[in-house]
Amino acid sequence: MKADADGSNAKQINTGKPFNFGPVWSPDGRAIVFRGSSDTLYRKDSSGAGAEERITEHHGTTVPTSWSSDGHELLYYEQAPGTNR
């Protein structure tokens, strides 16, 4: 969901799949990266327009953490399946 600071104008911007979480906004505010239910990262236009774009393949649990200041790179961590690393 995206809303004004006072909670008004709430709008769902993803497909509503369960377990989408960990949103990280791009520095310019035009995109959001989040973790989907398949432990894969997706990019979505923050206006809600267009389809979600898968940006990683499922190789383990992935969680986005931050964008570079210019918005060209994304920092995330990935835990390999069957490990604690």
N, C-alpha and C. Protein backbone atom coordinates (compact mmCIF):
# COMPACT_ATOMS: atom_id res chain seq x y z
N MET A 1 0.84 -1.18 0.00
CA MET A 1 0.00 0.00 0.00
C MET A 1 0.88 1.24 0.00
N LYS A 2 0.38 2.24 -0.62
CA LYS A 2 1.01 3.56 -0.63
C LYS A 2 -0.06 4.54 -0.18
N ALA A 3 0.29 5.46 0.72
CA ALA A 3 -0.68 6.42 1.22
C ALA A 3 0.02 7.71 1.59
N ASP A 4 -0.75 8.78 1.72
CA ASP A 4 -0.22 10.03 2.25
C ASP A 4 0.13 9.82 3.71
N ALA A 5 0.93 10.72 4.26
CA ALA A 5 1.39 10.57 5.64
C ALA A 5 0.25 10.47 6.64
N ASP A 6 -0.89 11.09 6.34
CA ASP A 6 -2.03 11.03 7.26
C ASP A 6 -2.92 9.80 7.04
N GLY A 7 -2.50 8.92 6.11
CA GLY A 7 -3.25 7.69 5.84
C GLY A 7 -4.29 7.83 4.74
N SER A 8 -4.49 9.02 4.25
CA SER A 8 -5.47 9.20 3.18
C SER A 8 -4.87 8.79 1.83
N ASN A 9 -5.73 8.65 0.85
CA ASN A 9 -5.32 8.29 -0.51
C ASN A 9 -4.56 6.97 -0.59
N ALA A 10 -4.98 6.00 0.20
CA ALA A 10 -4.32 4.68 0.19
C ALA A 10 -4.55 4.00 -1.15
N LYS A 11 -3.48 3.39 -1.67
CA LYS A 11 -3.55 2.72 -2.96
C LYS A 11 -2.65 1.49 -2.92
N GLN A 12 -3.20 0.35 -3.33
CA GLN A 12 -2.38 -0.86 -3.42
C GLN A 12 -1.55 -0.78 -4.69
N ILE A 13 -0.24 -1.01 -4.58
CA ILE A 13 0.61 -0.87 -5.76
C ILE A 13 1.19 -2.20 -6.24
N ASN A 14 1.01 -3.26 -5.47
CA ASN A 14 1.47 -4.57 -5.96
C ASN A 14 0.26 -5.42 -6.30
N THR A 15 0.51 -6.66 -6.66
CA THR A 15 -0.58 -7.53 -7.09
C THR A 15 -1.38 -8.11 -5.93
N GLY A 16 -0.95 -7.86 -4.71
CA GLY A 16 -1.68 -8.38 -3.57
C GLY A 16 -1.33 -9.81 -3.21
N LYS A 17 -0.24 -10.32 -3.77
CA LYS A 17 0.20 -11.67 -3.43
C LYS A 17 0.56 -11.71 -1.95
N PRO A 18 0.34 -12.84 -1.28
CA PRO A 18 0.70 -12.91 0.14
C PRO A 18 2.21 -12.87 0.33
N PHE A 19 2.62 -12.34 1.44
CA PHE A 19 4.01 -12.35 1.88
C PHE A 19 4.94 -11.44 1.08
N ASN A 20 4.43 -10.44 0.37
CA ASN A 20 5.28 -9.41 -0.19
C ASN A 20 5.70 -8.50 0.96
N PHE A 21 7.00 -8.32 1.15
CA PHE A 21 7.44 -7.47 2.25
C PHE A 21 8.83 -6.92 2.00
N GLY A 22 9.29 -6.08 2.92
CA GLY A 22 10.62 -5.50 2.86
C GLY A 22 10.79 -4.47 1.78
N PRO A 23 9.82 -3.57 1.58
CA PRO A 23 9.96 -2.61 0.49
C PRO A 23 11.11 -1.64 0.73
N VAL A 24 11.83 -1.34 -0.34
CA VAL A 24 12.92 -0.37 -0.30
C VAL A 24 12.68 0.59 -1.46
N TRP A 25 12.48 1.87 -1.14
CA TRP A 25 12.21 2.88 -2.15
C TRP A 25 13.50 3.34 -2.81
N SER A 26 13.44 3.58 -4.12
CA SER A 26 14.59 4.14 -4.83
C SER A 26 14.82 5.57 -4.36
N PRO A 27 16.04 6.07 -4.51
CA PRO A 27 16.34 7.43 -4.05
C PRO A 27 15.44 8.50 -4.68
N ASP A 28 15.04 8.32 -5.93
CA ASP A 28 14.18 9.31 -6.58
C ASP A 28 12.69 9.06 -6.31
N GLY A 29 12.37 7.98 -5.58
CA GLY A 29 10.98 7.69 -5.21
C GLY A 29 10.13 7.11 -6.31
N ARG A 30 10.74 6.79 -7.46
CA ARG A 30 9.95 6.31 -8.60
C ARG A 30 9.79 4.80 -8.65
N ALA A 31 10.55 4.06 -7.83
CA ALA A 31 10.48 2.60 -7.86
C ALA A 31 10.58 2.03 -6.45
N ILE A 32 10.06 0.83 -6.30
CA ILE A 32 10.14 0.10 -5.04
C ILE A 32 10.63 -1.31 -5.37
N VAL A 33 11.57 -1.81 -4.57
CA VAL A 33 11.98 -3.20 -4.67
C VAL A 33 11.50 -3.90 -3.40
N PHE A 34 10.96 -5.09 -3.55
CA PHE A 34 10.46 -5.82 -2.39
C PHE A 34 10.68 -7.31 -2.60
N ARG A 35 10.59 -8.04 -1.52
CA ARG A 35 10.72 -9.50 -1.56
C ARG A 35 9.34 -10.10 -1.75
N GLY A 36 9.22 -10.97 -2.74
CA GLY A 36 7.97 -11.67 -2.98
C GLY A 36 7.90 -12.96 -2.20
N SER A 37 6.78 -13.64 -2.28
CA SER A 37 6.57 -14.87 -1.52
C SER A 37 7.50 -16.00 -1.95
N SER A 38 8.08 -15.90 -3.13
CA SER A 38 8.99 -16.94 -3.60
C SER A 38 10.44 -16.65 -3.23
N ASP A 39 10.68 -15.71 -2.31
CA ASP A 39 12.03 -15.29 -1.91
C ASP A 39 12.79 -14.65 -3.07
N THR A 40 12.07 -14.12 -4.02
CA THR A 40 12.64 -13.45 -5.17
C THR A 40 12.38 -11.96 -5.04
N LEU A 41 13.31 -11.13 -5.53
CA LEU A 41 13.12 -9.68 -5.47
C LEU A 41 12.42 -9.19 -6.73
N TYR A 42 11.52 -8.23 -6.52
CA TYR A 42 10.76 -7.63 -7.60
C TYR A 42 10.90 -6.11 -7.54
N ARG A 43 10.86 -5.48 -8.70
CA ARG A 43 10.83 -4.03 -8.83
C ARG A 43 9.46 -3.64 -9.34
N LYS A 44 8.93 -2.55 -8.78
CA LYS A 44 7.60 -2.06 -9.18
C LYS A 44 7.64 -0.54 -9.23
N ASP A 45 7.01 0.03 -10.23
CA ASP A 45 6.87 1.48 -10.30
C ASP A 45 6.06 1.94 -9.09
N SER A 46 6.51 2.98 -8.41
CA SER A 46 5.82 3.40 -7.19
C SER A 46 4.45 4.00 -7.44
N SER A 47 4.15 4.33 -8.69
CA SER A 47 2.81 4.83 -9.00
C SER A 47 1.78 3.70 -9.04
N GLY A 48 2.29 2.46 -9.11
CA GLY A 48 1.42 1.30 -9.22
C GLY A 48 1.19 0.88 -10.66
N ALA A 49 1.68 1.66 -11.61
CA ALA A 49 1.49 1.35 -13.04
C ALA A 49 2.41 0.22 -13.47
N GLY A 50 1.95 -0.55 -14.43
CA GLY A 50 2.78 -1.60 -15.01
C GLY A 50 2.89 -2.85 -14.15
N ALA A 51 3.57 -3.82 -14.72
CA ALA A 51 3.74 -5.10 -14.04
C ALA A 51 4.96 -5.08 -13.13
N GLU A 52 4.96 -5.99 -12.16
CA GLU A 52 6.14 -6.19 -11.32
C GLU A 52 7.22 -6.84 -12.17
N GLU A 53 8.46 -6.44 -11.98
CA GLU A 53 9.58 -6.99 -12.73
C GLU A 53 10.45 -7.82 -11.80
N ARG A 54 10.60 -9.10 -12.07
CA ARG A 54 11.46 -9.95 -11.24
C ARG A 54 12.91 -9.57 -11.54
N ILE A 55 13.68 -9.31 -10.48
CA ILE A 55 15.07 -8.89 -10.69
C ILE A 55 16.09 -9.88 -10.14
N THR A 56 15.65 -10.90 -9.42
CA THR A 56 16.55 -11.97 -8.99
C THR A 56 15.86 -13.31 -9.23
N GLU A 57 16.68 -14.34 -9.30
CA GLU A 57 16.17 -15.71 -9.37
C GLU A 57 16.19 -16.28 -7.96
N HIS A 58 15.37 -17.27 -7.71
CA HIS A 58 15.31 -17.87 -6.38
C HIS A 58 16.49 -18.81 -6.16
N HIS A 59 17.40 -18.41 -5.30
CA HIS A 59 18.54 -19.25 -4.90
C HIS A 59 18.61 -19.36 -3.38
N GLY A 60 17.68 -18.81 -2.71
CA GLY A 60 17.66 -18.77 -1.26
C GLY A 60 16.88 -17.54 -0.83
N THR A 61 16.85 -17.29 0.45
CA THR A 61 16.13 -16.14 0.96
C THR A 61 16.86 -14.87 0.57
N THR A 62 16.19 -13.96 -0.11
CA THR A 62 16.77 -12.68 -0.47
C THR A 62 15.98 -11.56 0.18
N VAL A 63 16.69 -10.55 0.66
CA VAL A 63 16.06 -9.41 1.31
C VAL A 63 16.75 -8.13 0.83
N PRO A 64 15.99 -7.19 0.25
CA PRO A 64 16.60 -5.93 -0.16
C PRO A 64 16.92 -5.07 1.05
N THR A 65 18.02 -4.32 0.99
CA THR A 65 18.37 -3.47 2.12
C THR A 65 18.43 -1.99 1.76
N SER A 66 19.07 -1.65 0.62
CA SER A 66 19.15 -0.24 0.24
C SER A 66 19.58 -0.09 -1.22
N TRP A 67 19.37 1.09 -1.75
CA TRP A 67 19.80 1.46 -3.09
C TRP A 67 21.07 2.29 -2.99
N SER A 68 21.85 2.31 -4.06
CA SER A 68 22.96 3.27 -4.13
C SER A 68 22.34 4.66 -4.26
N SER A 69 23.11 5.70 -3.92
CA SER A 69 22.56 7.05 -3.93
C SER A 69 22.12 7.50 -5.32
N ASP A 70 22.73 6.93 -6.38
CA ASP A 70 22.33 7.31 -7.73
C ASP A 70 21.19 6.43 -8.26
N GLY A 71 20.77 5.41 -7.50
CA GLY A 71 19.65 4.56 -7.88
C GLY A 71 19.97 3.50 -8.92
N HIS A 72 21.25 3.32 -9.24
CA HIS A 72 21.63 2.36 -10.28
C HIS A 72 21.95 0.96 -9.73
N GLU A 73 22.18 0.86 -8.43
CA GLU A 73 22.52 -0.43 -7.83
C GLU A 73 21.67 -0.66 -6.59
N LEU A 74 21.44 -1.94 -6.31
CA LEU A 74 20.64 -2.33 -5.15
C LEU A 74 21.47 -3.25 -4.28
N LEU A 75 21.50 -2.98 -3.01
CA LEU A 75 22.19 -3.84 -2.06
C LEU A 75 21.15 -4.77 -1.44
N TYR A 76 21.44 -6.07 -1.45
CA TYR A 76 20.55 -7.04 -0.81
C TYR A 76 21.40 -8.20 -0.30
N TYR A 77 20.83 -8.97 0.61
CA TYR A 77 21.55 -10.18 1.03
C TYR A 77 20.75 -11.39 0.65
N GLU A 78 21.48 -12.47 0.46
CA GLU A 78 20.87 -13.73 0.07
C GLU A 78 21.43 -14.84 0.94
N GLN A 79 20.55 -15.63 1.51
CA GLN A 79 20.95 -16.79 2.31
C GLN A 79 20.81 -18.02 1.45
N ALA A 80 21.90 -18.73 1.26
CA ALA A 80 21.88 -19.92 0.42
C ALA A 80 20.98 -20.99 1.05
N PRO A 81 20.24 -21.74 0.23
CA PRO A 81 19.36 -22.77 0.77
C PRO A 81 20.12 -23.80 1.61
N GLY A 82 19.55 -24.17 2.73
CA GLY A 82 20.14 -25.20 3.59
C GLY A 82 21.32 -24.73 4.42
N THR A 83 21.56 -23.43 4.45
CA THR A 83 22.68 -22.90 5.24
C THR A 83 22.17 -21.79 6.15
N ASN A 84 23.03 -21.38 7.03
CA ASN A 84 22.74 -20.20 7.87
C ASN A 84 23.61 -19.04 7.44
N ARG A 85 24.07 -19.06 6.17
CA ARG A 85 24.94 -18.00 5.65
C ARG A 85 24.31 -17.34 4.46
